[in-house]
Amino acid sequence: MDELVKAVSQKTGLPEAQAKQAAQAVIDFLKSKLPAPIAQQLDGVLGAAGSGLASGGIDALGDALKGLGKG
């Protein structure tokens, strides 16, 4: 999650504390809209220590999300 917060802060110019709130709001929103199995993967992708994005977890989430908008 730390990497996501840094990205939000850099792209928006928000202080880190506000970027963390914004990132958490987006994560909570996604969890409420995604199917439960995929929503549960968000925590794994983001990682408790923020390592999920660095280890390629975001690619796994992207693969899981492919096709959701189809149909």
N, C-alpha and C. Protein backbone atom coordinates (compact mmCIF):
# COMPACT_ATOMS: atom_id res chain seq x y z
N MET A 1 0.83 -1.19 0.00
CA MET A 1 0.00 0.00 0.00
C MET A 1 0.87 1.26 0.00
N ASP A 2 2.05 1.14 0.57
CA ASP A 2 2.93 2.31 0.63
C ASP A 2 3.26 2.85 -0.76
N GLU A 3 3.48 1.92 -1.70
CA GLU A 3 3.79 2.34 -3.06
C GLU A 3 2.61 3.06 -3.70
N LEU A 4 1.40 2.58 -3.43
CA LEU A 4 0.19 3.22 -3.94
C LEU A 4 0.04 4.62 -3.36
N VAL A 5 0.27 4.75 -2.06
CA VAL A 5 0.16 6.06 -1.40
C VAL A 5 1.17 7.04 -2.01
N LYS A 6 2.39 6.57 -2.23
CA LYS A 6 3.41 7.44 -2.83
C LYS A 6 3.01 7.88 -4.22
N ALA A 7 2.45 6.95 -5.00
CA ALA A 7 2.02 7.29 -6.36
C ALA A 7 0.90 8.32 -6.34
N VAL A 8 -0.07 8.13 -5.46
CA VAL A 8 -1.17 9.09 -5.34
C VAL A 8 -0.63 10.45 -4.93
N SER A 9 0.27 10.46 -3.97
CA SER A 9 0.85 11.72 -3.49
C SER A 9 1.60 12.44 -4.61
N GLN A 10 2.40 11.69 -5.36
CA GLN A 10 3.19 12.30 -6.43
C GLN A 10 2.31 12.81 -7.57
N LYS A 11 1.29 12.07 -7.91
CA LYS A 11 0.45 12.45 -9.05
C LYS A 11 -0.54 13.56 -8.72
N THR A 12 -0.91 13.66 -7.45
CA THR A 12 -1.92 14.65 -7.08
C THR A 12 -1.35 15.85 -6.33
N GLY A 13 -0.15 15.68 -5.78
CA GLY A 13 0.43 16.74 -4.97
C GLY A 13 -0.11 16.76 -3.55
N LEU A 14 -0.90 15.75 -3.19
CA LEU A 14 -1.44 15.68 -1.84
C LEU A 14 -0.35 15.29 -0.85
N PRO A 15 -0.44 15.80 0.37
CA PRO A 15 0.48 15.31 1.41
C PRO A 15 0.25 13.82 1.62
N GLU A 16 1.25 13.13 2.13
CA GLU A 16 1.17 11.67 2.25
C GLU A 16 -0.03 11.22 3.08
N ALA A 17 -0.35 11.93 4.15
CA ALA A 17 -1.49 11.54 5.00
C ALA A 17 -2.80 11.58 4.22
N GLN A 18 -2.98 12.63 3.42
CA GLN A 18 -4.20 12.73 2.62
C GLN A 18 -4.20 11.72 1.47
N ALA A 19 -3.03 11.46 0.90
CA ALA A 19 -2.93 10.46 -0.16
C ALA A 19 -3.29 9.09 0.37
N LYS A 20 -2.90 8.80 1.61
CA LYS A 20 -3.24 7.51 2.21
C LYS A 20 -4.75 7.39 2.38
N GLN A 21 -5.40 8.48 2.81
CA GLN A 21 -6.85 8.46 2.95
C GLN A 21 -7.52 8.26 1.59
N ALA A 22 -7.01 8.93 0.57
CA ALA A 22 -7.57 8.80 -0.77
C ALA A 22 -7.40 7.37 -1.29
N ALA A 23 -6.22 6.82 -1.11
CA ALA A 23 -5.97 5.45 -1.56
C ALA A 23 -6.88 4.47 -0.84
N GLN A 24 -7.04 4.65 0.46
CA GLN A 24 -7.89 3.74 1.22
C GLN A 24 -9.35 3.86 0.78
N ALA A 25 -9.78 5.08 0.46
CA ALA A 25 -11.15 5.28 -0.03
C ALA A 25 -11.37 4.53 -1.34
N VAL A 26 -10.39 4.57 -2.23
CA VAL A 26 -10.50 3.86 -3.51
C VAL A 26 -10.51 2.35 -3.29
N ILE A 27 -9.64 1.88 -2.41
CA ILE A 27 -9.58 0.45 -2.12
C ILE A 27 -10.91 -0.02 -1.54
N ASP A 28 -11.45 0.73 -0.60
CA ASP A 28 -12.74 0.37 -0.01
C ASP A 28 -13.85 0.37 -1.06
N PHE A 29 -13.82 1.35 -1.95
CA PHE A 29 -14.81 1.41 -3.02
C PHE A 29 -14.70 0.18 -3.93
N LEU A 30 -13.47 -0.14 -4.33
CA LEU A 30 -13.28 -1.30 -5.19
C LEU A 30 -13.74 -2.58 -4.52
N LYS A 31 -13.44 -2.73 -3.24
CA LYS A 31 -13.87 -3.92 -2.51
C LYS A 31 -15.39 -4.04 -2.48
N SER A 32 -16.07 -2.91 -2.42
CA SER A 32 -17.54 -2.95 -2.37
C SER A 32 -18.16 -3.24 -3.73
N LYS A 33 -17.43 -3.00 -4.80
CA LYS A 33 -17.97 -3.18 -6.15
C LYS A 33 -17.53 -4.47 -6.84
N LEU A 34 -16.39 -5.00 -6.44
CA LEU A 34 -15.86 -6.20 -7.09
C LEU A 34 -16.50 -7.46 -6.52
N PRO A 35 -16.54 -8.52 -7.31
CA PRO A 35 -16.99 -9.80 -6.76
C PRO A 35 -16.10 -10.19 -5.57
N ALA A 36 -16.69 -10.82 -4.58
CA ALA A 36 -15.99 -11.14 -3.33
C ALA A 36 -14.63 -11.81 -3.53
N PRO A 37 -14.51 -12.82 -4.39
CA PRO A 37 -13.19 -13.46 -4.53
C PRO A 37 -12.10 -12.50 -5.01
N ILE A 38 -12.47 -11.60 -5.89
CA ILE A 38 -11.49 -10.63 -6.39
C ILE A 38 -11.24 -9.56 -5.36
N ALA A 39 -12.28 -9.09 -4.69
CA ALA A 39 -12.13 -8.07 -3.65
C ALA A 39 -11.18 -8.55 -2.56
N GLN A 40 -11.26 -9.82 -2.20
CA GLN A 40 -10.38 -10.36 -1.17
C GLN A 40 -8.93 -10.38 -1.62
N GLN A 41 -8.69 -10.42 -2.91
CA GLN A 41 -7.31 -10.44 -3.42
C GLN A 41 -6.64 -9.07 -3.32
N LEU A 42 -7.43 -8.01 -3.17
CA LEU A 42 -6.83 -6.68 -3.07
C LEU A 42 -5.84 -6.58 -1.92
N ASP A 43 -6.19 -7.12 -0.77
CA ASP A 43 -5.28 -7.08 0.36
C ASP A 43 -3.98 -7.82 0.04
N GLY A 44 -4.09 -8.93 -0.62
CA GLY A 44 -2.90 -9.68 -0.99
C GLY A 44 -2.06 -8.95 -2.00
N VAL A 45 -2.72 -8.29 -2.95
CA VAL A 45 -2.00 -7.54 -3.97
C VAL A 45 -1.27 -6.35 -3.35
N LEU A 46 -1.96 -5.65 -2.48
CA LEU A 46 -1.36 -4.48 -1.86
C LEU A 46 -0.39 -4.88 -0.76
N GLY A 47 -0.60 -6.01 -0.16
CA GLY A 47 0.30 -6.51 0.87
C GLY A 47 0.22 -5.70 2.14
N ALA A 48 0.26 -6.37 3.25
CA ALA A 48 0.20 -5.69 4.55
C ALA A 48 1.34 -4.72 4.71
N ALA A 49 2.50 -5.05 4.14
CA ALA A 49 3.67 -4.17 4.26
C ALA A 49 3.90 -3.36 2.99
N GLY A 50 2.94 -3.42 2.07
CA GLY A 50 3.07 -2.65 0.84
C GLY A 50 3.96 -3.31 -0.20
N SER A 51 4.28 -4.58 -0.01
CA SER A 51 5.21 -5.24 -0.93
C SER A 51 4.51 -5.87 -2.12
N GLY A 52 3.20 -5.98 -2.09
CA GLY A 52 2.47 -6.65 -3.15
C GLY A 52 2.66 -6.02 -4.51
N LEU A 53 2.64 -4.71 -4.58
CA LEU A 53 2.80 -4.03 -5.86
C LEU A 53 4.20 -4.23 -6.41
N ALA A 54 5.18 -4.16 -5.54
CA ALA A 54 6.56 -4.29 -5.98
C ALA A 54 6.86 -5.69 -6.51
N SER A 55 6.18 -6.68 -6.00
CA SER A 55 6.46 -8.06 -6.41
C SER A 55 5.61 -8.49 -7.59
N GLY A 56 4.94 -7.56 -8.25
CA GLY A 56 4.15 -7.90 -9.42
C GLY A 56 2.72 -8.25 -9.12
N GLY A 57 2.27 -8.03 -7.90
CA GLY A 57 0.91 -8.35 -7.52
C GLY A 57 -0.12 -7.59 -8.31
N ILE A 58 0.22 -6.38 -8.74
CA ILE A 58 -0.73 -5.57 -9.50
C ILE A 58 -1.03 -6.23 -10.85
N ASP A 59 -0.04 -6.94 -11.41
CA ASP A 59 -0.28 -7.67 -12.66
C ASP A 59 -1.27 -8.80 -12.44
N ALA A 60 -1.16 -9.46 -11.31
CA ALA A 60 -2.09 -10.54 -10.99
C ALA A 60 -3.50 -10.01 -10.84
N LEU A 61 -3.63 -8.85 -10.20
CA LEU A 61 -4.96 -8.24 -10.07
C LEU A 61 -5.51 -7.85 -11.42
N GLY A 62 -4.66 -7.29 -12.27
CA GLY A 62 -5.08 -6.92 -13.62
C GLY A 62 -5.59 -8.12 -14.39
N ASP A 63 -4.89 -9.24 -14.25
CA ASP A 63 -5.33 -10.46 -14.93
C ASP A 63 -6.68 -10.91 -14.39
N ALA A 64 -6.86 -10.79 -13.08
CA ALA A 64 -8.13 -11.21 -12.46
C ALA A 64 -9.29 -10.32 -12.90
N LEU A 65 -8.99 -9.05 -13.16
CA LEU A 65 -10.04 -8.11 -13.53
C LEU A 65 -10.41 -8.16 -15.01
N LYS A 66 -9.56 -8.76 -15.84
CA LYS A 66 -9.83 -8.83 -17.28
C LYS A 66 -11.17 -9.53 -17.50
N GLY A 67 -11.95 -8.94 -18.33
CA GLY A 67 -13.21 -9.57 -18.68
C GLY A 67 -14.39 -9.21 -17.79
N LEU A 68 -14.15 -8.50 -16.69
CA LEU A 68 -15.26 -8.14 -15.81
C LEU A 68 -16.24 -7.21 -16.52
N GLY A 69 -15.75 -6.33 -17.37
CA GLY A 69 -16.61 -5.38 -18.05
C GLY A 69 -17.30 -5.97 -19.26
N LYS A 70 -16.96 -7.18 -19.60
CA LYS A 70 -17.55 -7.82 -20.77
C LYS A 70 -18.79 -8.59 -20.38
N GLY A 71 -19.69 -8.68 -21.30
CA GLY A 71 -20.84 -9.54 -21.05
C GLY A 71 -22.03 -8.80 -20.90
